[in-house]
Amino acid sequence: MSVISDIVAQLFAWIQGLGYFGIMFGLMVEVIPSEIVLAYGGFLVYSGDINFWGAVLFGTIGGVVAQLFIYWISRYGGRPVLKRFGKYIFIKESHIDHAETWFNKYGAGIIFTGRFIPVVRHAISIPAGLAKMPTWRFTLLTTLAVIPWSILFVFLGYQLGGQWEQIDEKASPYVMPIIVGAVFVLAVYLIVKAMLTRRRKSRV
């Protein structure tokens, strides 16, 4: 465990040394959960090393590029590549099946709302790639979801200051309403989609 702690400490030192780019690369490689990297970015804002909106901007870029990487692997490599190499980016076959079920059931709208739902948000880029969803649409929906997520965790890390490692405890009162809100938006999306489908059928 001490070896792991040393590696994590070195990664945070690396992020601090690179500043904005450290946050971006930290999110792109996803060795450390995004919430923790963003909270550490908030701590760097608190320390005066970087500014708030710069941390949010580079955090958003890193988060979107990380998802684009998974999307491209899925789009151009397909399930065989994901099954063989998914473990190296912490994706299991069960994650693929679960995310694909959600995508097939809820459509492209899940790319946005799914980012706020545990388990689903880590793998929702996969079915989008497998279905060859237009890259511009995937990027837009992903960016719209990553921005508020980045703002929240950078802000909470800033508020915690030197106690940023307590981010899980600090974030829990905020994360649950976000999940509920995401489910609500998803429900509205499905209702509107069903109404539009019914209207198109009635015109035929």
N, C-alpha and C. Protein backbone atom coordinates (compact mmCIF):
# COMPACT_ATOMS: atom_id res chain seq x y z
N MET A 1 0.83 -1.21 0.00
CA MET A 1 0.00 0.00 0.00
C MET A 1 0.86 1.25 0.00
N SER A 2 2.03 1.20 0.66
CA SER A 2 2.89 2.38 0.72
C SER A 2 3.43 2.72 -0.67
N VAL A 3 3.67 1.66 -1.47
CA VAL A 3 4.15 1.88 -2.84
C VAL A 3 3.09 2.63 -3.64
N ILE A 4 1.81 2.20 -3.51
CA ILE A 4 0.70 2.86 -4.21
C ILE A 4 0.58 4.30 -3.74
N SER A 5 0.71 4.51 -2.43
CA SER A 5 0.61 5.88 -1.88
C SER A 5 1.71 6.76 -2.44
N ASP A 6 2.91 6.19 -2.57
CA ASP A 6 4.03 6.96 -3.12
C ASP A 6 3.77 7.33 -4.58
N ILE A 7 3.22 6.38 -5.33
CA ILE A 7 2.93 6.63 -6.75
C ILE A 7 1.89 7.73 -6.89
N VAL A 8 0.82 7.64 -6.08
CA VAL A 8 -0.24 8.65 -6.12
C VAL A 8 0.31 10.01 -5.73
N ALA A 9 1.17 10.05 -4.71
CA ALA A 9 1.77 11.30 -4.28
C ALA A 9 2.62 11.91 -5.40
N GLN A 10 3.34 11.06 -6.12
CA GLN A 10 4.15 11.53 -7.24
C GLN A 10 3.29 12.08 -8.37
N LEU A 11 2.14 11.42 -8.58
CA LEU A 11 1.22 11.90 -9.62
C LEU A 11 0.68 13.28 -9.28
N PHE A 12 0.33 13.49 -8.01
CA PHE A 12 -0.17 14.80 -7.60
C PHE A 12 0.93 15.86 -7.68
N ALA A 13 2.15 15.47 -7.36
CA ALA A 13 3.27 16.40 -7.50
C ALA A 13 3.48 16.76 -8.97
N TRP A 14 3.30 15.78 -9.83
CA TRP A 14 3.41 16.00 -11.27
C TRP A 14 2.33 16.95 -11.76
N ILE A 15 1.09 16.73 -11.28
CA ILE A 15 -0.03 17.60 -11.65
C ILE A 15 0.24 19.03 -11.19
N GLN A 16 0.73 19.16 -9.95
CA GLN A 16 1.02 20.50 -9.42
C GLN A 16 2.10 21.19 -10.24
N GLY A 17 3.12 20.43 -10.62
CA GLY A 17 4.22 21.01 -11.38
C GLY A 17 3.81 21.49 -12.75
N LEU A 18 2.85 20.79 -13.37
CA LEU A 18 2.39 21.17 -14.71
C LEU A 18 1.24 22.16 -14.68
N GLY A 19 0.66 22.38 -13.50
CA GLY A 19 -0.43 23.35 -13.39
C GLY A 19 -1.66 22.95 -14.19
N TYR A 20 -2.11 23.85 -15.06
CA TYR A 20 -3.30 23.58 -15.86
C TYR A 20 -3.15 22.31 -16.68
N PHE A 21 -2.00 22.14 -17.31
CA PHE A 21 -1.78 20.96 -18.15
C PHE A 21 -1.73 19.68 -17.30
N GLY A 22 -1.32 19.80 -16.05
CA GLY A 22 -1.32 18.65 -15.15
C GLY A 22 -2.74 18.16 -14.90
N ILE A 23 -3.66 19.11 -14.69
CA ILE A 23 -5.07 18.76 -14.51
C ILE A 23 -5.60 18.09 -15.77
N MET A 24 -5.30 18.68 -16.92
CA MET A 24 -5.77 18.13 -18.19
C MET A 24 -5.26 16.72 -18.42
N PHE A 25 -3.95 16.52 -18.27
CA PHE A 25 -3.37 15.20 -18.50
C PHE A 25 -3.83 14.20 -17.44
N GLY A 26 -3.99 14.67 -16.20
CA GLY A 26 -4.47 13.80 -15.14
C GLY A 26 -5.85 13.23 -15.44
N LEU A 27 -6.70 14.05 -16.06
CA LEU A 27 -8.03 13.59 -16.44
C LEU A 27 -8.00 12.73 -17.70
N MET A 28 -7.08 13.03 -18.58
CA MET A 28 -7.00 12.26 -19.83
C MET A 28 -6.57 10.82 -19.59
N VAL A 29 -5.60 10.61 -18.70
CA VAL A 29 -5.10 9.25 -18.47
C VAL A 29 -5.98 8.47 -17.52
N GLU A 30 -6.76 9.17 -16.67
CA GLU A 30 -7.75 8.55 -15.78
C GLU A 30 -7.16 7.50 -14.84
N VAL A 31 -5.93 7.70 -14.41
CA VAL A 31 -5.35 6.80 -13.41
C VAL A 31 -6.00 7.08 -12.05
N ILE A 32 -6.28 8.35 -11.80
CA ILE A 32 -6.95 8.80 -10.59
C ILE A 32 -8.36 9.25 -10.98
N PRO A 33 -9.40 8.93 -10.19
CA PRO A 33 -10.76 9.36 -10.53
C PRO A 33 -10.84 10.86 -10.80
N SER A 34 -11.66 11.24 -11.76
CA SER A 34 -11.75 12.63 -12.19
C SER A 34 -12.15 13.57 -11.05
N GLU A 35 -13.02 13.09 -10.16
CA GLU A 35 -13.46 13.93 -9.05
C GLU A 35 -12.28 14.36 -8.17
N ILE A 36 -11.35 13.43 -7.97
CA ILE A 36 -10.20 13.71 -7.11
C ILE A 36 -9.24 14.66 -7.81
N VAL A 37 -9.00 14.44 -9.11
CA VAL A 37 -8.11 15.33 -9.86
C VAL A 37 -8.66 16.75 -9.87
N LEU A 38 -9.97 16.89 -10.10
CA LEU A 38 -10.60 18.21 -10.13
C LEU A 38 -10.56 18.87 -8.75
N ALA A 39 -10.79 18.08 -7.71
CA ALA A 39 -10.72 18.63 -6.35
C ALA A 39 -9.30 19.10 -6.03
N TYR A 40 -8.33 18.36 -6.49
CA TYR A 40 -6.94 18.79 -6.30
C TYR A 40 -6.68 20.08 -7.08
N GLY A 41 -7.30 20.18 -8.26
CA GLY A 41 -7.21 21.42 -9.02
C GLY A 41 -7.78 22.58 -8.22
N GLY A 42 -8.88 22.33 -7.50
CA GLY A 42 -9.46 23.35 -6.63
C GLY A 42 -8.52 23.74 -5.51
N PHE A 43 -7.79 22.76 -5.00
CA PHE A 43 -6.79 23.04 -3.97
C PHE A 43 -5.68 23.93 -4.52
N LEU A 44 -5.27 23.68 -5.77
CA LEU A 44 -4.25 24.51 -6.40
C LEU A 44 -4.75 25.94 -6.61
N VAL A 45 -6.05 26.08 -6.86
CA VAL A 45 -6.65 27.41 -6.93
C VAL A 45 -6.57 28.08 -5.57
N TYR A 46 -6.92 27.33 -4.54
CA TYR A 46 -6.87 27.82 -3.16
C TYR A 46 -5.44 28.25 -2.79
N SER A 47 -4.45 27.51 -3.29
CA SER A 47 -3.05 27.80 -2.98
C SER A 47 -2.50 28.97 -3.79
N GLY A 48 -3.27 29.41 -4.80
CA GLY A 48 -2.83 30.53 -5.63
C GLY A 48 -1.94 30.12 -6.79
N ASP A 49 -1.81 28.80 -7.06
CA ASP A 49 -0.96 28.32 -8.16
C ASP A 49 -1.61 28.55 -9.52
N ILE A 50 -2.94 28.45 -9.57
CA ILE A 50 -3.69 28.62 -10.81
C ILE A 50 -4.98 29.37 -10.48
N ASN A 51 -5.72 29.78 -11.52
CA ASN A 51 -7.00 30.45 -11.24
C ASN A 51 -8.17 29.50 -11.51
N PHE A 52 -9.31 29.86 -10.97
CA PHE A 52 -10.48 28.97 -10.96
C PHE A 52 -10.93 28.58 -12.38
N TRP A 53 -11.17 29.59 -13.23
CA TRP A 53 -11.72 29.29 -14.55
C TRP A 53 -10.72 28.59 -15.45
N GLY A 54 -9.44 28.83 -15.22
CA GLY A 54 -8.43 28.09 -15.96
C GLY A 54 -8.47 26.61 -15.60
N ALA A 55 -8.65 26.33 -14.30
CA ALA A 55 -8.75 24.94 -13.85
C ALA A 55 -9.98 24.26 -14.45
N VAL A 56 -11.10 24.99 -14.49
CA VAL A 56 -12.33 24.45 -15.07
C VAL A 56 -12.15 24.18 -16.57
N LEU A 57 -11.52 25.14 -17.28
CA LEU A 57 -11.31 24.99 -18.72
C LEU A 57 -10.47 23.77 -19.05
N PHE A 58 -9.31 23.64 -18.38
CA PHE A 58 -8.42 22.52 -18.69
C PHE A 58 -8.98 21.21 -18.15
N GLY A 59 -9.76 21.29 -17.07
CA GLY A 59 -10.43 20.10 -16.57
C GLY A 59 -11.47 19.60 -17.55
N THR A 60 -12.18 20.54 -18.16
CA THR A 60 -13.18 20.18 -19.17
C THR A 60 -12.52 19.57 -20.40
N ILE A 61 -11.44 20.18 -20.86
CA ILE A 61 -10.73 19.65 -22.02
C ILE A 61 -10.24 18.23 -21.75
N GLY A 62 -9.63 18.03 -20.59
CA GLY A 62 -9.12 16.71 -20.24
C GLY A 62 -10.22 15.67 -20.14
N GLY A 63 -11.34 16.06 -19.53
CA GLY A 63 -12.46 15.13 -19.38
C GLY A 63 -13.07 14.75 -20.71
N VAL A 64 -13.20 15.71 -21.61
CA VAL A 64 -13.78 15.43 -22.92
C VAL A 64 -12.84 14.57 -23.77
N VAL A 65 -11.56 14.88 -23.76
CA VAL A 65 -10.59 14.10 -24.54
C VAL A 65 -10.54 12.65 -24.05
N ALA A 66 -10.64 12.46 -22.73
CA ALA A 66 -10.63 11.10 -22.17
C ALA A 66 -11.80 10.29 -22.72
N GLN A 67 -12.97 10.93 -22.82
CA GLN A 67 -14.15 10.23 -23.34
C GLN A 67 -14.07 10.04 -24.85
N LEU A 68 -13.47 11.00 -25.54
CA LEU A 68 -13.28 10.85 -26.98
C LEU A 68 -12.35 9.68 -27.29
N PHE A 69 -11.36 9.47 -26.44
CA PHE A 69 -10.43 8.36 -26.61
C PHE A 69 -11.19 7.03 -26.56
N ILE A 70 -12.08 6.89 -25.58
CA ILE A 70 -12.88 5.67 -25.45
C ILE A 70 -13.84 5.54 -26.64
N TYR A 71 -14.42 6.66 -27.03
CA TYR A 71 -15.34 6.69 -28.18
C TYR A 71 -14.64 6.21 -29.44
N TRP A 72 -13.42 6.72 -29.69
CA TRP A 72 -12.68 6.34 -30.90
C TRP A 72 -12.29 4.86 -30.89
N ILE A 73 -11.87 4.38 -29.72
CA ILE A 73 -11.54 2.95 -29.61
C ILE A 73 -12.76 2.10 -29.96
N SER A 74 -13.91 2.50 -29.43
CA SER A 74 -15.15 1.76 -29.67
C SER A 74 -15.59 1.85 -31.12
N ARG A 75 -15.46 3.04 -31.69
CA ARG A 75 -15.93 3.26 -33.07
C ARG A 75 -15.07 2.51 -34.09
N TYR A 76 -13.76 2.57 -33.91
CA TYR A 76 -12.87 2.00 -34.92
C TYR A 76 -12.33 0.61 -34.57
N GLY A 77 -12.44 0.25 -33.29
CA GLY A 77 -11.95 -1.06 -32.88
C GLY A 77 -13.05 -2.07 -32.63
N GLY A 78 -14.22 -1.58 -32.20
CA GLY A 78 -15.35 -2.46 -31.94
C GLY A 78 -15.21 -3.25 -30.65
N ARG A 79 -16.15 -4.13 -30.43
CA ARG A 79 -16.18 -4.92 -29.19
C ARG A 79 -14.95 -5.82 -29.03
N PRO A 80 -14.41 -6.43 -30.10
CA PRO A 80 -13.23 -7.29 -29.91
C PRO A 80 -12.06 -6.55 -29.27
N VAL A 81 -11.81 -5.32 -29.71
CA VAL A 81 -10.71 -4.53 -29.15
C VAL A 81 -11.03 -4.15 -27.71
N LEU A 82 -12.29 -3.79 -27.44
CA LEU A 82 -12.68 -3.40 -26.09
C LEU A 82 -12.54 -4.58 -25.12
N LYS A 83 -12.94 -5.76 -25.57
CA LYS A 83 -12.83 -6.94 -24.71
C LYS A 83 -11.37 -7.27 -24.40
N ARG A 84 -10.52 -7.04 -25.39
CA ARG A 84 -9.11 -7.41 -25.21
C ARG A 84 -8.33 -6.38 -24.41
N PHE A 85 -8.60 -5.10 -24.65
CA PHE A 85 -7.79 -4.05 -24.04
C PHE A 85 -8.55 -3.18 -23.04
N GLY A 86 -9.84 -3.44 -22.88
CA GLY A 86 -10.64 -2.61 -21.99
C GLY A 86 -10.14 -2.56 -20.56
N LYS A 87 -9.56 -3.67 -20.11
CA LYS A 87 -9.08 -3.73 -18.73
C LYS A 87 -8.00 -2.70 -18.45
N TYR A 88 -7.28 -2.30 -19.49
CA TYR A 88 -6.21 -1.33 -19.30
C TYR A 88 -6.73 0.08 -19.09
N ILE A 89 -8.00 0.31 -19.44
CA ILE A 89 -8.61 1.61 -19.16
C ILE A 89 -9.79 1.43 -18.20
N PHE A 90 -9.70 0.36 -17.39
CA PHE A 90 -10.65 0.09 -16.30
C PHE A 90 -12.08 -0.12 -16.79
N ILE A 91 -12.24 -0.76 -17.94
CA ILE A 91 -13.56 -1.04 -18.48
C ILE A 91 -13.73 -2.56 -18.59
N LYS A 92 -14.77 -3.07 -17.94
CA LYS A 92 -15.07 -4.49 -17.96
C LYS A 92 -16.16 -4.76 -19.00
N GLU A 93 -16.29 -6.03 -19.37
CA GLU A 93 -17.31 -6.38 -20.35
C GLU A 93 -18.71 -6.08 -19.81
N SER A 94 -18.88 -6.24 -18.50
CA SER A 94 -20.19 -5.94 -17.90
C SER A 94 -20.52 -4.46 -18.05
N HIS A 95 -19.50 -3.59 -17.98
CA HIS A 95 -19.72 -2.16 -18.19
C HIS A 95 -20.20 -1.90 -19.61
N ILE A 96 -19.60 -2.61 -20.57
CA ILE A 96 -19.96 -2.44 -21.97
C ILE A 96 -21.42 -2.84 -22.18
N ASP A 97 -21.80 -4.00 -21.64
CA ASP A 97 -23.17 -4.49 -21.80
C ASP A 97 -24.18 -3.54 -21.16
N HIS A 98 -23.84 -3.06 -19.96
CA HIS A 98 -24.75 -2.18 -19.23
C HIS A 98 -24.95 -0.86 -19.98
N ALA A 99 -23.85 -0.28 -20.42
CA ALA A 99 -23.91 1.00 -21.13
C ALA A 99 -24.64 0.87 -22.46
N GLU A 100 -24.41 -0.25 -23.15
CA GLU A 100 -25.05 -0.45 -24.45
C GLU A 100 -26.56 -0.61 -24.29
N THR A 101 -26.97 -1.27 -23.22
CA THR A 101 -28.40 -1.42 -22.94
C THR A 101 -29.05 -0.06 -22.74
N TRP A 102 -28.40 0.81 -21.95
CA TRP A 102 -28.91 2.15 -21.70
C TRP A 102 -28.96 2.96 -22.99
N PHE A 103 -27.93 2.86 -23.80
CA PHE A 103 -27.88 3.64 -25.05
C PHE A 103 -28.98 3.19 -26.01
N ASN A 104 -29.16 1.90 -26.14
CA ASN A 104 -30.19 1.37 -27.04
C ASN A 104 -31.60 1.73 -26.55
N LYS A 105 -31.75 1.83 -25.24
CA LYS A 105 -33.06 2.12 -24.66
C LYS A 105 -33.39 3.60 -24.71
N TYR A 106 -32.38 4.46 -24.41
CA TYR A 106 -32.65 5.89 -24.26
C TYR A 106 -32.13 6.76 -25.39
N GLY A 107 -31.30 6.21 -26.28
CA GLY A 107 -30.82 6.98 -27.41
C GLY A 107 -29.71 7.95 -27.06
N ALA A 108 -29.46 8.90 -27.98
CA ALA A 108 -28.33 9.83 -27.85
C ALA A 108 -28.41 10.71 -26.62
N GLY A 109 -29.62 10.95 -26.11
CA GLY A 109 -29.78 11.80 -24.93
C GLY A 109 -29.05 11.30 -23.71
N ILE A 110 -28.80 10.00 -23.65
CA ILE A 110 -28.11 9.43 -22.50
C ILE A 110 -26.65 9.86 -22.43
N ILE A 111 -26.10 10.33 -23.56
CA ILE A 111 -24.71 10.80 -23.55
C ILE A 111 -24.54 11.97 -22.60
N PHE A 112 -25.57 12.82 -22.50
CA PHE A 112 -25.51 13.94 -21.56
C PHE A 112 -25.93 13.51 -20.16
N THR A 113 -27.13 13.00 -20.01
CA THR A 113 -27.66 12.67 -18.68
C THR A 113 -26.88 11.54 -18.03
N GLY A 114 -26.39 10.59 -18.85
CA GLY A 114 -25.67 9.45 -18.30
C GLY A 114 -24.37 9.83 -17.61
N ARG A 115 -23.82 11.00 -17.93
CA ARG A 115 -22.57 11.45 -17.30
C ARG A 115 -22.73 11.69 -15.81
N PHE A 116 -23.96 11.85 -15.35
CA PHE A 116 -24.20 12.15 -13.94
C PHE A 116 -24.70 10.94 -13.16
N ILE A 117 -24.82 9.79 -13.85
CA ILE A 117 -25.34 8.58 -13.21
C ILE A 117 -24.20 7.59 -12.98
N PRO A 118 -23.98 7.17 -11.71
CA PRO A 118 -22.88 6.24 -11.41
C PRO A 118 -22.92 5.00 -12.29
N VAL A 119 -21.75 4.42 -12.55
CA VAL A 119 -21.54 3.23 -13.38
C VAL A 119 -21.75 3.57 -14.86
N VAL A 120 -22.94 4.10 -15.19
CA VAL A 120 -23.24 4.42 -16.59
C VAL A 120 -22.27 5.45 -17.14
N ARG A 121 -21.96 6.49 -16.37
CA ARG A 121 -21.17 7.61 -16.89
C ARG A 121 -19.75 7.22 -17.28
N HIS A 122 -19.23 6.17 -16.68
CA HIS A 122 -17.86 5.75 -16.98
C HIS A 122 -17.76 4.97 -18.29
N ALA A 123 -18.89 4.48 -18.78
CA ALA A 123 -18.83 3.61 -19.96
C ALA A 123 -19.77 4.03 -21.09
N ILE A 124 -20.48 5.15 -20.93
CA ILE A 124 -21.49 5.51 -21.91
C ILE A 124 -20.88 5.90 -23.26
N SER A 125 -19.60 6.23 -23.28
CA SER A 125 -18.95 6.57 -24.55
C SER A 125 -18.83 5.35 -25.45
N ILE A 126 -18.83 4.17 -24.87
CA ILE A 126 -18.63 2.93 -25.64
C ILE A 126 -19.75 2.68 -26.64
N PRO A 127 -21.01 2.62 -26.21
CA PRO A 127 -22.07 2.36 -27.20
C PRO A 127 -22.20 3.48 -28.22
N ALA A 128 -21.85 4.70 -27.83
CA ALA A 128 -21.88 5.81 -28.79
C ALA A 128 -20.90 5.55 -29.93
N GLY A 129 -19.73 5.04 -29.58
CA GLY A 129 -18.73 4.70 -30.59
C GLY A 129 -19.15 3.50 -31.41
N LEU A 130 -19.68 2.48 -30.74
CA LEU A 130 -20.11 1.27 -31.45
C LEU A 130 -21.23 1.59 -32.45
N ALA A 131 -22.11 2.53 -32.07
CA ALA A 131 -23.22 2.92 -32.94
C ALA A 131 -22.81 3.96 -33.98
N LYS A 132 -21.51 4.37 -33.93
CA LYS A 132 -20.99 5.38 -34.86
C LYS A 132 -21.80 6.68 -34.81
N MET A 133 -22.10 7.09 -33.58
CA MET A 133 -22.76 8.37 -33.37
C MET A 133 -21.88 9.48 -33.93
N PRO A 134 -22.45 10.50 -34.62
CA PRO A 134 -21.62 11.58 -35.17
C PRO A 134 -20.70 12.18 -34.11
N THR A 135 -19.43 12.35 -34.45
CA THR A 135 -18.43 12.82 -33.49
C THR A 135 -18.78 14.19 -32.93
N TRP A 136 -19.29 15.09 -33.78
CA TRP A 136 -19.60 16.44 -33.31
C TRP A 136 -20.70 16.42 -32.26
N ARG A 137 -21.71 15.55 -32.46
CA ARG A 137 -22.81 15.47 -31.49
C ARG A 137 -22.33 14.86 -30.18
N PHE A 138 -21.53 13.81 -30.29
CA PHE A 138 -20.97 13.19 -29.09
C PHE A 138 -20.13 14.19 -28.30
N THR A 139 -19.28 14.93 -29.01
CA THR A 139 -18.40 15.91 -28.35
C THR A 139 -19.20 17.01 -27.69
N LEU A 140 -20.23 17.50 -28.37
CA LEU A 140 -21.06 18.57 -27.82
C LEU A 140 -21.77 18.13 -26.54
N LEU A 141 -22.43 16.98 -26.59
CA LEU A 141 -23.17 16.50 -25.42
C LEU A 141 -22.23 16.18 -24.26
N THR A 142 -21.09 15.62 -24.58
CA THR A 142 -20.11 15.30 -23.54
C THR A 142 -19.59 16.57 -22.89
N THR A 143 -19.27 17.58 -23.70
CA THR A 143 -18.76 18.84 -23.18
C THR A 143 -19.78 19.52 -22.28
N LEU A 144 -21.04 19.53 -22.69
CA LEU A 144 -22.10 20.16 -21.90
C LEU A 144 -22.26 19.48 -20.54
N ALA A 145 -21.96 18.19 -20.47
CA ALA A 145 -22.05 17.46 -19.21
C ALA A 145 -20.80 17.64 -18.35
N VAL A 146 -19.64 17.69 -19.00
CA VAL A 146 -18.38 17.78 -18.26
C VAL A 146 -18.19 19.15 -17.62
N ILE A 147 -18.68 20.21 -18.25
CA ILE A 147 -18.49 21.57 -17.72
C ILE A 147 -19.04 21.73 -16.31
N PRO A 148 -20.33 21.43 -16.04
CA PRO A 148 -20.83 21.59 -14.67
C PRO A 148 -20.14 20.66 -13.67
N TRP A 149 -19.76 19.47 -14.13
CA TRP A 149 -19.05 18.52 -13.26
C TRP A 149 -17.71 19.10 -12.84
N SER A 150 -17.01 19.71 -13.79
CA SER A 150 -15.71 20.32 -13.50
C SER A 150 -15.86 21.51 -12.56
N ILE A 151 -16.85 22.34 -12.83
CA ILE A 151 -17.08 23.52 -11.98
C ILE A 151 -17.34 23.08 -10.54
N LEU A 152 -18.20 22.08 -10.37
CA LEU A 152 -18.58 21.62 -9.03
C LEU A 152 -17.37 21.15 -8.23
N PHE A 153 -16.56 20.26 -8.82
CA PHE A 153 -15.48 19.66 -8.05
C PHE A 153 -14.28 20.58 -7.87
N VAL A 154 -14.03 21.46 -8.83
CA VAL A 154 -12.98 22.47 -8.62
C VAL A 154 -13.41 23.41 -7.51
N PHE A 155 -14.67 23.80 -7.52
CA PHE A 155 -15.19 24.70 -6.48
C PHE A 155 -15.12 24.05 -5.10
N LEU A 156 -15.54 22.78 -5.01
CA LEU A 156 -15.50 22.09 -3.71
C LEU A 156 -14.07 21.91 -3.22
N GLY A 157 -13.16 21.60 -4.15
CA GLY A 157 -11.75 21.48 -3.77
C GLY A 157 -11.21 22.80 -3.26
N TYR A 158 -11.63 23.89 -3.88
CA TYR A 158 -11.23 25.24 -3.44
C TYR A 158 -11.79 25.53 -2.04
N GLN A 159 -13.04 25.17 -1.82
CA GLN A 159 -13.67 25.39 -0.52
C GLN A 159 -12.99 24.59 0.59
N LEU A 160 -12.58 23.38 0.27
CA LEU A 160 -11.93 22.52 1.26
C LEU A 160 -10.49 22.95 1.55
N GLY A 161 -9.85 23.56 0.56
CA GLY A 161 -8.46 24.01 0.76
C GLY A 161 -7.54 22.84 1.08
N GLY A 162 -6.84 22.94 2.19
CA GLY A 162 -5.89 21.90 2.59
C GLY A 162 -6.55 20.58 2.95
N GLN A 163 -7.87 20.56 3.08
CA GLN A 163 -8.59 19.33 3.40
C GLN A 163 -9.28 18.75 2.15
N TRP A 164 -8.73 19.04 0.98
CA TRP A 164 -9.34 18.63 -0.28
C TRP A 164 -9.52 17.13 -0.40
N GLU A 165 -8.73 16.36 0.35
CA GLU A 165 -8.83 14.89 0.28
C GLU A 165 -10.16 14.38 0.83
N GLN A 166 -10.90 15.25 1.52
CA GLN A 166 -12.20 14.87 2.06
C GLN A 166 -13.32 15.14 1.04
N ILE A 167 -12.95 15.16 -0.23
CA ILE A 167 -13.89 15.53 -1.28
C ILE A 167 -15.12 14.63 -1.33
N ASP A 168 -14.96 13.34 -1.07
CA ASP A 168 -16.12 12.43 -1.13
C ASP A 168 -17.19 12.86 -0.13
N GLU A 169 -16.76 13.17 1.08
CA GLU A 169 -17.70 13.59 2.11
C GLU A 169 -18.33 14.94 1.77
N LYS A 170 -17.53 15.84 1.26
CA LYS A 170 -18.00 17.19 0.92
C LYS A 170 -18.95 17.17 -0.27
N ALA A 171 -18.68 16.28 -1.22
CA ALA A 171 -19.46 16.27 -2.47
C ALA A 171 -20.79 15.53 -2.36
N SER A 172 -20.91 14.61 -1.41
CA SER A 172 -22.10 13.76 -1.34
C SER A 172 -23.41 14.53 -1.27
N PRO A 173 -23.52 15.66 -0.54
CA PRO A 173 -24.81 16.39 -0.53
C PRO A 173 -25.15 17.01 -1.88
N TYR A 174 -24.14 17.19 -2.74
CA TYR A 174 -24.36 17.80 -4.04
C TYR A 174 -24.61 16.75 -5.12
N VAL A 175 -23.92 15.63 -5.02
CA VAL A 175 -23.97 14.61 -6.08
C VAL A 175 -25.35 13.97 -6.18
N MET A 176 -25.98 13.66 -5.05
CA MET A 176 -27.29 13.00 -5.11
C MET A 176 -28.35 13.85 -5.79
N PRO A 177 -28.46 15.16 -5.48
CA PRO A 177 -29.43 15.98 -6.23
C PRO A 177 -29.10 16.03 -7.73
N ILE A 178 -27.82 16.00 -8.08
CA ILE A 178 -27.43 16.00 -9.49
C ILE A 178 -27.91 14.73 -10.16
N ILE A 179 -27.75 13.60 -9.48
CA ILE A 179 -28.21 12.32 -10.03
C ILE A 179 -29.73 12.34 -10.23
N VAL A 180 -30.45 12.84 -9.22
CA VAL A 180 -31.91 12.93 -9.31
C VAL A 180 -32.31 13.85 -10.46
N GLY A 181 -31.61 14.99 -10.58
CA GLY A 181 -31.89 15.92 -11.66
C GLY A 181 -31.64 15.30 -13.02
N ALA A 182 -30.55 14.53 -13.12
CA ALA A 182 -30.22 13.88 -14.40
C ALA A 182 -31.29 12.87 -14.78
N VAL A 183 -31.77 12.12 -13.81
CA VAL A 183 -32.83 11.14 -14.07
C VAL A 183 -34.11 11.87 -14.50
N PHE A 184 -34.40 13.00 -13.86
CA PHE A 184 -35.58 13.79 -14.22
C PHE A 184 -35.48 14.30 -15.65
N VAL A 185 -34.31 14.86 -16.01
CA VAL A 185 -34.10 15.36 -17.37
C VAL A 185 -34.23 14.22 -18.37
N LEU A 186 -33.69 13.06 -18.01
CA LEU A 186 -33.79 11.89 -18.88
C LEU A 186 -35.25 11.50 -19.08
N ALA A 187 -36.04 11.56 -18.01
CA ALA A 187 -37.46 11.22 -18.11
C ALA A 187 -38.19 12.20 -19.03
N VAL A 188 -37.89 13.49 -18.89
CA VAL A 188 -38.50 14.50 -19.76
C VAL A 188 -38.11 14.25 -21.22
N TYR A 189 -36.83 13.94 -21.42
CA TYR A 189 -36.33 13.65 -22.77
C TYR A 189 -37.09 12.47 -23.39
N LEU A 190 -37.31 11.42 -22.61
CA LEU A 190 -38.01 10.24 -23.12
C LEU A 190 -39.47 10.56 -23.44
N ILE A 191 -40.10 11.38 -22.60
CA ILE A 191 -41.50 11.74 -22.83
C ILE A 191 -41.63 12.55 -24.13
N VAL A 192 -40.75 13.54 -24.28
CA VAL A 192 -40.77 14.36 -25.50
C VAL A 192 -40.49 13.50 -26.73
N LYS A 193 -39.51 12.61 -26.61
CA LYS A 193 -39.17 11.73 -27.73
C LYS A 193 -40.34 10.85 -28.11
N ALA A 194 -41.04 10.30 -27.11
CA ALA A 194 -42.19 9.44 -27.37
C ALA A 194 -43.33 10.23 -28.02
N MET A 195 -43.53 11.47 -27.57
CA MET A 195 -44.59 12.32 -28.14
C MET A 195 -44.30 12.65 -29.61
N LEU A 196 -43.04 12.97 -29.90
CA LEU A 196 -42.67 13.29 -31.27
C LEU A 196 -42.80 12.08 -32.19
N THR A 197 -42.43 10.91 -31.67
CA THR A 197 -42.57 9.67 -32.45
C THR A 197 -44.03 9.37 -32.74
N ARG A 198 -44.88 9.56 -31.72
CA ARG A 198 -46.31 9.31 -31.89
C ARG A 198 -46.92 10.29 -32.89
N ARG A 199 -46.44 11.55 -32.85
CA ARG A 199 -46.97 12.55 -33.78
C ARG A 199 -46.56 12.23 -35.21
N ARG A 200 -45.33 11.77 -35.39
CA ARG A 200 -44.88 11.41 -36.75
C ARG A 200 -45.69 10.23 -37.30
N LYS A 201 -45.98 9.26 -36.44
CA LYS A 201 -46.74 8.10 -36.87
C LYS A 201 -48.17 8.48 -37.24
N SER A 202 -48.74 9.44 -36.50
CA SER A 202 -50.11 9.85 -36.75
C SER A 202 -50.25 10.59 -38.09
N ARG A 203 -49.13 11.15 -38.56
CA ARG A 203 -49.17 11.89 -39.83
C ARG A 203 -49.04 10.97 -41.04
N VAL A 204 -48.56 9.74 -40.77
CA VAL A 204 -48.36 8.79 -41.87
C VAL A 204 -49.70 8.20 -42.32
